[in-house]
Amino acid sequence: MNTQDYIALEDQYNAHNYKPLDVVLERGEGIWVWDVDGHRYLDFLSAYSALNQGHKHPRILQALIEQANKLPLTSRAFRNDQLPLLAKELCELTGYEMMLPMNTGAEAVETALKAARKWGYTVKGVPEGKAEIVTCTGNFHGRTITIISFSSERQYRDGFGPYTPGFVSVPYCDADALEAAITPNTVAVFIEPIQGEGGVIVPPDGYLRQVRELCDRHQLLMITDEIQTGLGRTGRLFAAEWDGVKADMVTIGKALSGGFYPVSAVLASREVLGVFKPGDHGSTFGGNPLAAAVARAALKVLTEENLIANACVQGEYLMGRLRRIESDHIKEVRGRGLLIGVELKPAAGGARRFCEALKQEGLLCKETHDNVIRFAPPLVIRREDIDWAMERIETVLMMP
């Protein structure tokens, strides 16, 4: 079967809830992937940052094989020997007292929202059923009913109401609007340190510190969604570190498994995650031994192979090269580390056609918000790989 055969099958039998580029991938290694017709591509998206460690990292693969041969799943009805080790290693790495394991990013977000509400009732003393959480316009935290309830993206909401109440939305990067939205019933502020799906929107220096100060002043939980920006993507363990901020609660996922398995977690203090009692929350697969073993290996690769520092160095180099491109199409280049957005002017005709042209040149990336090309290669990338990519990016961005 060739590319068109697979595309025809998918179009016939799979729900059309995505619009992927027409490339059918069958294997990957490091920063490279190959399609069913034998063409090689440089992956400049990393599965939306789930592949920070690159495709098929041998250390993570070995951990998965060894654990799968021993014990893949127990459920949380019983204990396993991998989850306690992951919990200890993750908390020691991040500086949080407790973690709660889940599977997908959206599940981690739902967990954090539940924890914040219960903390508001049991610790802060907000009247039952009245808790409010402040979010920001332009956010993307997932696509469950509750999460889309506080999205400002019309497509994510249309046709899916009624929506979950209890959320107030304010403009991103507007600390004054945030303060004005706080009421006695506010329990938390939920925010992305960088809005990835929103177009790689980087807040001005000091904004996250303002959010932190407001949360401290009003006894609110500061919750950061680091599912895409965390675990080294921006050149720091967490993107909030660029502003010298530590959140009360953090959601992580994606790169927590190096792309091998859905693994996510919520990190917080004992006071916050201690609100959960047996039966309050759970997941059949969350914290299973296979997931925990994979996540332990993924974290070791990030730290022991210096991928976080590499993201900082190579990201600065890539951003510098992009900013030197003299193209009439480019409005702005922005980002941190290896999470970079190239915003195009409206007259450029949208980012999709440039992503399709880059695919033809052997580089895979994806548009976001119509006019932004997102570049997020694996953190194992080297300078010579970036030079290879830039030859193609410069050519494509100079086309009519």
Protein backbone atom coordinates (compact mmCIF):
# COMPACT_ATOMS: atom_id res chain seq x y z
CA MET A 1 0.00 0.00 0.00
CA ASN A 2 1.17 3.54 -0.73
CA THR A 3 0.39 6.96 0.79
CA GLN A 4 -2.82 7.49 -1.16
CA ASP A 5 -4.12 4.01 -0.24
CA TYR A 6 -3.71 4.74 3.47
CA ILE A 7 -5.26 8.20 3.15
CA ALA A 8 -8.29 6.72 1.37
CA LEU A 9 -8.76 4.14 4.14
CA GLU A 10 -8.51 6.76 6.86
CA ASP A 11 -10.94 9.09 5.11
CA GLN A 12 -13.44 6.25 4.78
CA TYR A 13 -13.28 4.71 8.23
CA ASN A 14 -11.92 7.36 10.60
CA ALA A 15 -13.85 10.31 11.99
CA HIS A 16 -12.71 13.53 10.33
CA ASN A 17 -11.79 15.41 13.49
CA TYR A 18 -8.27 16.26 12.25
CA LYS A 19 -6.80 17.79 9.12
CA PRO A 20 -3.32 16.27 8.99
CA LEU A 21 -0.72 16.88 6.35
CA ASP A 22 -0.89 14.15 3.73
CA VAL A 23 2.13 12.17 4.87
CA VAL A 24 1.75 8.62 6.22
CA LEU A 25 4.56 7.81 8.64
CA GLU A 26 5.68 4.28 9.49
CA ARG A 27 8.87 4.61 11.54
CA GLY A 28 11.05 7.14 13.33
CA GLU A 29 14.40 7.47 15.03
CA GLY A 30 15.79 10.51 16.83
CA ILE A 31 14.75 13.61 14.89
CA TRP A 32 13.89 11.71 11.70
CA VAL A 33 10.76 9.93 10.44
CA TRP A 34 10.09 7.90 7.28
CA ASP A 35 6.84 7.54 5.36
CA VAL A 36 5.37 4.41 3.77
CA ASP A 37 6.89 5.38 0.42
CA GLY A 38 10.40 5.54 1.89
CA HIS A 39 10.79 9.34 2.08
CA ARG A 40 12.68 10.78 5.06
CA TYR A 41 11.58 13.89 6.97
CA LEU A 42 12.96 16.00 9.80
CA ASP A 43 10.29 16.12 12.52
CA PHE A 44 9.94 19.77 13.52
CA LEU A 45 6.80 19.26 15.61
CA SER A 46 7.71 16.42 18.04
CA ALA A 47 4.08 15.33 18.38
CA TYR A 48 3.28 18.70 19.97
CA SER A 49 6.28 18.30 22.32
CA ALA A 50 5.56 14.72 23.41
CA LEU A 51 8.80 13.65 21.71
CA ASN A 52 11.25 15.92 23.50
CA GLN A 53 13.60 12.93 23.78
CA GLY A 54 13.24 12.13 20.07
CA HIS A 55 11.63 9.18 18.36
CA LYS A 56 12.27 5.71 19.77
CA HIS A 57 14.85 6.72 22.32
CA PRO A 58 16.70 3.48 23.11
CA ARG A 59 16.79 3.94 26.90
CA ILE A 60 13.04 4.55 27.12
CA LEU A 61 12.34 1.73 24.68
CA GLN A 62 14.37 -0.66 26.82
CA ALA A 63 12.50 0.38 29.96
CA LEU A 64 9.18 -0.22 28.21
CA ILE A 65 10.23 -3.67 26.96
CA GLU A 66 11.58 -4.78 30.33
CA GLN A 67 8.49 -3.64 32.23
CA ALA A 68 6.07 -5.02 29.63
CA ASN A 69 7.77 -8.38 30.07
CA LYS A 70 7.21 -8.23 33.83
CA LEU A 71 3.95 -6.43 34.68
CA PRO A 72 2.17 -3.87 32.48
CA LEU A 73 -0.94 -3.16 34.58
CA THR A 74 -2.26 -3.66 38.10
CA SER A 75 -4.90 -0.92 38.39
CA ARG A 76 -4.77 1.13 41.58
CA ALA A 77 -6.66 -1.60 43.45
CA PHE A 78 -3.18 -2.94 44.23
CA ARG A 79 0.24 -1.35 44.62
CA ASN A 80 3.10 -1.78 42.17
CA ASP A 81 6.85 -1.34 42.53
CA GLN A 82 7.29 1.38 39.87
CA LEU A 83 4.84 4.10 40.90
CA PRO A 84 6.47 4.88 44.29
CA LEU A 85 9.84 5.30 42.56
CA LEU A 86 8.39 7.58 39.88
CA ALA A 87 6.61 9.66 42.53
CA LYS A 88 9.82 10.09 44.53
CA GLU A 89 11.99 10.90 41.50
CA LEU A 90 9.50 13.30 39.97
CA CYS A 91 8.92 15.19 43.21
CA GLU A 92 12.64 15.42 43.92
CA LEU A 93 13.30 16.70 40.39
CA THR A 94 10.56 19.34 40.44
CA GLY A 95 10.54 20.37 44.09
CA TYR A 96 6.90 19.46 44.79
CA GLU A 97 5.73 17.38 47.74
CA MET A 98 3.22 15.13 45.98
CA MET A 99 2.13 13.98 42.55
CA LEU A 100 -1.03 12.37 41.22
CA PRO A 101 -0.59 10.21 38.10
CA MET A 102 -3.03 10.14 35.19
CA ASN A 103 -2.81 9.29 31.47
CA THR A 104 -3.57 12.17 29.13
CA GLY A 105 -3.00 15.89 29.46
CA ALA A 106 -6.71 16.58 29.54
CA GLU A 107 -7.07 14.16 32.45
CA ALA A 108 -4.33 15.99 34.32
CA VAL A 109 -6.15 19.27 33.74
CA GLU A 110 -9.45 17.82 34.98
CA THR A 111 -7.62 16.50 38.05
CA ALA A 112 -6.12 19.91 38.81
CA LEU A 113 -9.51 21.60 38.46
CA LYS A 114 -11.10 19.11 40.86
CA ALA A 115 -8.27 19.54 43.35
CA ALA A 116 -8.55 23.34 43.18
CA ARG A 117 -12.29 23.28 43.80
CA LYS A 118 -12.06 20.88 46.72
CA TRP A 119 -9.17 22.87 48.20
CA GLY A 120 -11.35 25.97 47.90
CA TYR A 121 -14.13 24.34 49.88
CA THR A 122 -12.10 22.48 52.49
CA VAL A 123 -9.18 24.86 53.04
CA LYS A 124 -10.18 28.34 51.90
CA GLY A 125 -13.79 28.03 53.05
CA VAL A 126 -15.63 28.99 49.85
CA PRO A 127 -19.34 28.03 50.04
CA GLU A 128 -20.05 24.64 48.49
CA GLY A 129 -20.88 24.87 44.79
CA LYS A 130 -19.65 28.47 44.43
CA ALA A 131 -15.96 28.01 43.54
CA GLU A 132 -14.66 30.05 40.62
CA ILE A 133 -11.48 29.54 38.61
CA VAL A 134 -10.00 32.34 36.49
CA THR A 135 -8.66 31.36 33.05
CA CYS A 136 -7.29 33.32 30.09
CA THR A 137 -8.59 33.97 26.60
CA GLY A 138 -6.66 32.19 23.87
CA ASN A 139 -6.01 29.20 26.14
CA PHE A 140 -5.84 25.58 25.12
CA HIS A 141 -6.01 22.95 27.88
CA GLY A 142 -7.77 20.07 26.09
CA ARG A 143 -11.14 19.18 24.64
CA THR A 144 -13.32 17.65 27.37
CA ILE A 145 -16.70 19.28 28.01
CA THR A 146 -15.44 21.08 31.11
CA ILE A 147 -12.24 22.28 29.44
CA ILE A 148 -13.96 23.67 26.35
CA SER A 149 -16.34 25.44 28.71
CA PHE A 150 -13.62 27.99 29.42
CA SER A 151 -12.15 28.09 25.91
CA SER A 152 -12.45 31.27 23.85
CA GLU A 153 -12.04 29.34 20.58
CA ARG A 154 -15.46 29.20 18.93
CA GLN A 155 -14.85 25.94 17.06
CA TYR A 156 -13.98 24.09 20.27
CA ARG A 157 -17.33 25.09 21.79
CA ASP A 158 -19.89 25.15 18.97
CA GLY A 159 -22.33 22.28 19.19
CA PHE A 160 -21.07 20.98 22.53
CA GLY A 161 -23.08 22.95 25.11
CA PRO A 162 -24.41 23.24 27.75
CA TYR A 163 -21.14 24.21 29.36
CA THR A 164 -19.69 23.66 32.81
CA PRO A 165 -20.11 26.76 35.02
CA GLY A 166 -17.59 28.14 37.49
CA PHE A 167 -15.02 29.71 35.16
CA VAL A 168 -14.20 33.35 34.49
CA SER A 169 -12.06 34.35 31.53
CA VAL A 170 -9.77 37.38 31.30
CA PRO A 171 -7.35 38.55 28.59
CA TYR A 172 -3.96 36.87 28.61
CA CYS A 173 -1.11 39.09 29.83
CA ASP A 174 -3.52 41.56 31.52
CA ALA A 175 -2.82 41.48 35.26
CA ASP A 176 -5.26 44.31 35.94
CA ALA A 177 -8.13 42.40 34.33
CA LEU A 178 -7.14 39.35 36.34
CA GLU A 179 -7.24 41.26 39.62
CA ALA A 180 -10.63 42.77 38.73
CA ALA A 181 -12.06 39.28 38.13
CA ILE A 182 -11.13 37.98 41.59
CA THR A 183 -14.03 37.57 44.03
CA PRO A 184 -14.35 35.97 47.48
CA ASN A 185 -15.33 32.74 45.66
CA THR A 186 -12.22 32.61 43.48
CA VAL A 187 -10.07 29.59 44.31
CA ALA A 188 -7.48 29.49 41.53
CA VAL A 189 -5.93 31.05 38.46
CA PHE A 190 -5.23 28.53 35.69
CA ILE A 191 -2.72 29.70 33.09
CA GLU A 192 -0.26 28.61 30.41
CA PRO A 193 3.21 30.13 30.85
CA ILE A 194 3.30 30.27 27.04
CA GLN A 195 0.17 29.78 24.95
CA GLY A 196 1.25 27.09 22.49
CA GLU A 197 -1.93 26.31 20.57
CA GLY A 198 -2.85 29.98 20.81
CA GLY A 199 0.02 30.81 18.48
CA VAL A 200 3.14 30.53 20.69
CA ILE A 201 2.21 33.65 22.65
CA VAL A 202 5.01 34.55 25.06
CA PRO A 203 3.93 36.85 27.91
CA PRO A 204 6.04 39.91 28.74
CA ASP A 205 8.69 39.53 31.43
CA GLY A 206 7.16 39.97 34.86
CA TYR A 207 3.60 38.95 33.98
CA LEU A 208 3.75 35.56 35.65
CA ARG A 209 5.29 37.19 38.72
CA GLN A 210 2.27 39.52 38.84
CA VAL A 211 -0.03 36.50 38.68
CA ARG A 212 1.95 34.86 41.48
CA GLU A 213 1.68 38.00 43.65
CA LEU A 214 -2.08 38.26 43.07
CA CYS A 215 -2.55 34.62 44.02
CA ASP A 216 -0.54 35.11 47.21
CA ARG A 217 -2.43 38.27 48.13
CA HIS A 218 -5.89 36.76 47.62
CA GLN A 219 -5.18 33.19 48.86
CA LEU A 220 -5.57 31.60 45.43
CA LEU A 221 -3.88 28.61 43.87
CA MET A 222 -1.68 29.44 40.89
CA ILE A 223 -1.99 26.51 38.48
CA THR A 224 0.25 26.33 35.42
CA ASP A 225 -0.38 24.08 32.46
CA GLU A 226 3.09 22.85 31.49
CA ILE A 227 1.89 19.89 29.44
CA GLN A 228 3.42 21.31 26.26
CA THR A 229 5.89 23.85 27.67
CA GLY A 230 7.31 21.78 30.52
CA LEU A 231 10.00 19.12 30.81
CA GLY A 232 12.65 21.09 28.98
CA ARG A 233 10.84 22.35 25.90
CA THR A 234 11.62 26.03 26.54
CA GLY A 235 15.15 25.53 27.86
CA ARG A 236 14.01 25.30 31.47
CA LEU A 237 12.44 22.38 33.32
CA PHE A 238 9.27 24.48 33.47
CA ALA A 239 8.55 27.53 31.34
CA ALA A 240 7.39 29.50 34.41
CA GLU A 241 11.00 29.45 35.61
CA TRP A 242 11.82 32.09 32.99
CA ASP A 243 9.90 34.51 35.21
CA GLY A 244 11.27 33.12 38.46
CA VAL A 245 7.89 31.68 39.42
CA LYS A 246 6.84 28.45 41.10
CA ALA A 247 3.17 27.58 40.78
CA ASP A 248 1.14 25.92 43.53
CA MET A 249 0.03 23.20 41.14
CA VAL A 250 1.41 22.08 37.75
CA THR A 251 -0.01 19.79 35.10
CA ILE A 252 2.48 17.82 33.00
CA GLY A 253 2.22 15.14 30.32
CA LYS A 254 3.41 14.64 26.74
CA ALA A 255 7.21 14.37 27.16
CA LEU A 256 6.73 12.65 30.52
CA SER A 257 6.69 9.41 28.52
CA GLY A 258 8.99 10.37 25.65
CA GLY A 259 6.20 9.54 23.23
CA PHE A 260 5.91 5.85 24.13
CA TYR A 261 2.76 5.84 26.23
CA PRO A 262 0.15 8.27 27.57
CA VAL A 263 1.46 9.47 30.95
CA SER A 264 0.48 12.66 32.77
CA ALA A 265 0.61 13.95 36.32
CA VAL A 266 -0.38 16.77 38.63
CA LEU A 267 2.26 18.21 40.96
CA ALA A 268 1.41 20.18 44.10
CA SER A 269 1.96 20.53 47.82
CA ARG A 270 0.68 18.05 50.37
CA GLU A 271 -1.93 20.61 51.43
CA VAL A 272 -3.42 20.75 47.93
CA LEU A 273 -3.27 17.13 46.77
CA GLY A 274 -4.05 16.01 50.31
CA VAL A 275 -7.68 17.05 49.75
CA PHE A 276 -8.23 13.81 47.82
CA LYS A 277 -9.40 10.85 49.88
CA PRO A 278 -9.77 7.26 48.66
CA GLY A 279 -12.61 7.17 46.13
CA ASP A 280 -12.56 10.91 45.34
CA HIS A 281 -10.64 10.49 42.09
CA GLY A 282 -8.87 7.82 40.11
CA SER A 283 -8.03 6.06 36.88
CA THR A 284 -7.70 2.38 35.95
CA PHE A 285 -4.52 3.04 33.98
CA GLY A 286 -3.19 6.07 35.85
CA GLY A 287 0.03 5.17 37.66
CA ASN A 288 0.28 1.71 36.13
CA PRO A 289 3.72 0.06 36.31
CA LEU A 290 4.38 0.26 32.56
CA ALA A 291 3.60 3.98 32.51
CA ALA A 292 5.68 4.61 35.61
CA ALA A 293 8.70 2.72 34.29
CA VAL A 294 8.53 4.58 30.97
CA ALA A 295 8.19 7.96 32.71
CA ARG A 296 11.16 7.21 35.00
CA ALA A 297 13.33 6.49 31.97
CA ALA A 298 12.03 9.55 30.10
CA LEU A 299 12.95 11.83 33.00
CA LYS A 300 16.42 10.30 33.27
CA VAL A 301 17.03 10.92 29.56
CA LEU A 302 16.01 14.58 29.90
CA THR A 303 18.32 15.21 32.82
CA GLU A 304 21.26 12.88 32.25
CA GLU A 305 21.61 13.72 28.56
CA ASN A 306 21.38 17.49 29.18
CA LEU A 307 18.45 17.94 26.83
CA ILE A 308 17.07 20.94 28.74
CA ALA A 309 20.31 22.88 28.32
CA ASN A 310 20.48 21.80 24.68
CA ALA A 311 16.98 23.19 24.10
CA CYS A 312 18.10 26.55 25.42
CA VAL A 313 21.26 26.70 23.28
CA GLN A 314 19.79 25.33 20.07
CA GLY A 315 16.59 27.32 20.51
CA GLU A 316 18.51 30.57 20.72
CA TYR A 317 20.43 29.63 17.58
CA LEU A 318 17.28 28.60 15.66
CA MET A 319 15.39 31.74 16.67
CA GLY A 320 18.31 33.90 15.62
CA ARG A 321 18.45 32.25 12.21
CA LEU A 322 14.69 32.64 11.74
CA ARG A 323 14.77 36.32 12.68
CA ARG A 324 17.39 36.98 10.03
CA ILE A 325 15.19 35.75 7.21
CA GLU A 326 14.28 38.75 5.05
CA SER A 327 10.84 37.63 3.92
CA ASP A 328 7.90 39.93 3.25
CA HIS A 329 5.64 37.17 4.64
CA ILE A 330 6.99 37.23 8.20
CA LYS A 331 5.30 39.44 10.79
CA GLU A 332 7.08 38.16 13.93
CA VAL A 333 9.24 35.34 15.25
CA ARG A 334 8.71 34.51 18.93
CA GLY A 335 9.23 31.73 21.42
CA ARG A 336 11.45 30.27 24.11
CA GLY A 337 13.90 27.43 23.74
CA LEU A 338 12.71 25.05 21.05
CA LEU A 339 9.08 26.21 21.09
CA ILE A 340 8.97 28.83 18.34
CA GLY A 341 6.18 30.44 16.35
CA VAL A 342 6.64 32.26 13.05
CA GLU A 343 3.64 34.52 12.59
CA LEU A 344 2.89 35.42 9.00
CA LYS A 345 1.17 38.53 7.69
CA PRO A 346 -2.43 38.04 6.52
CA ALA A 347 -1.34 38.70 2.92
CA ALA A 348 0.89 35.59 3.05
CA GLY A 349 -2.16 33.41 2.44
CA GLY A 350 -2.08 31.39 5.65
CA ALA A 351 0.50 29.14 7.26
CA ARG A 352 -0.88 25.88 5.87
CA ARG A 353 0.58 26.33 2.39
CA PHE A 354 4.05 26.91 3.87
CA CYS A 355 3.77 23.75 6.00
CA GLU A 356 2.77 21.79 2.90
CA ALA A 357 5.71 23.25 0.97
CA LEU A 358 8.09 22.36 3.82
CA LYS A 359 6.79 18.80 3.76
CA GLN A 360 7.80 18.61 0.11
CA GLU A 361 11.27 19.78 1.17
CA GLY A 362 11.54 17.04 3.82
CA LEU A 363 10.58 18.99 6.97
CA LEU A 364 7.39 18.41 8.97
CA CYS A 365 5.71 21.15 11.00
CA LYS A 366 2.16 22.37 11.55
CA GLU A 367 0.20 25.57 11.39
CA THR A 368 -1.68 26.94 14.37
CA HIS A 369 -4.28 29.71 14.39
CA ASP A 370 -4.14 29.96 10.59
CA ASN A 371 -1.22 32.38 10.35
CA VAL A 372 1.43 30.86 12.67
CA ILE A 373 3.93 28.14 11.79
CA ARG A 374 5.00 26.26 14.91
CA PHE A 375 8.53 24.86 15.09
CA ALA A 376 9.23 22.43 17.95
CA PRO A 377 11.89 19.85 17.04
CA PRO A 378 13.03 17.14 19.47
CA LEU A 379 15.44 18.42 22.12
CA VAL A 380 18.13 16.03 20.87
CA ILE A 381 18.59 18.17 17.75
CA ARG A 382 22.09 19.42 16.90
CA ARG A 383 23.26 22.65 15.26
CA GLU A 384 24.05 20.90 11.96
CA ASP A 385 20.48 19.56 11.89
CA ILE A 386 19.15 23.08 12.38
CA ASP A 387 21.36 24.30 9.55
CA TRP A 388 19.89 21.56 7.33
CA ALA A 389 16.39 22.63 8.30
CA MET A 390 17.08 26.33 7.84
CA GLU A 391 18.15 25.86 4.22
CA ARG A 392 14.65 24.55 3.52
CA ILE A 393 12.80 27.00 5.77
CA GLU A 394 14.54 29.99 4.18
CA THR A 395 13.69 28.73 0.70
CA VAL A 396 10.04 28.15 1.52
CA LEU A 397 9.50 31.43 3.38
CA MET A 398 10.92 33.34 0.42
CA MET A 399 8.46 31.83 -2.05
CA PRO A 400 5.75 34.11 -3.53
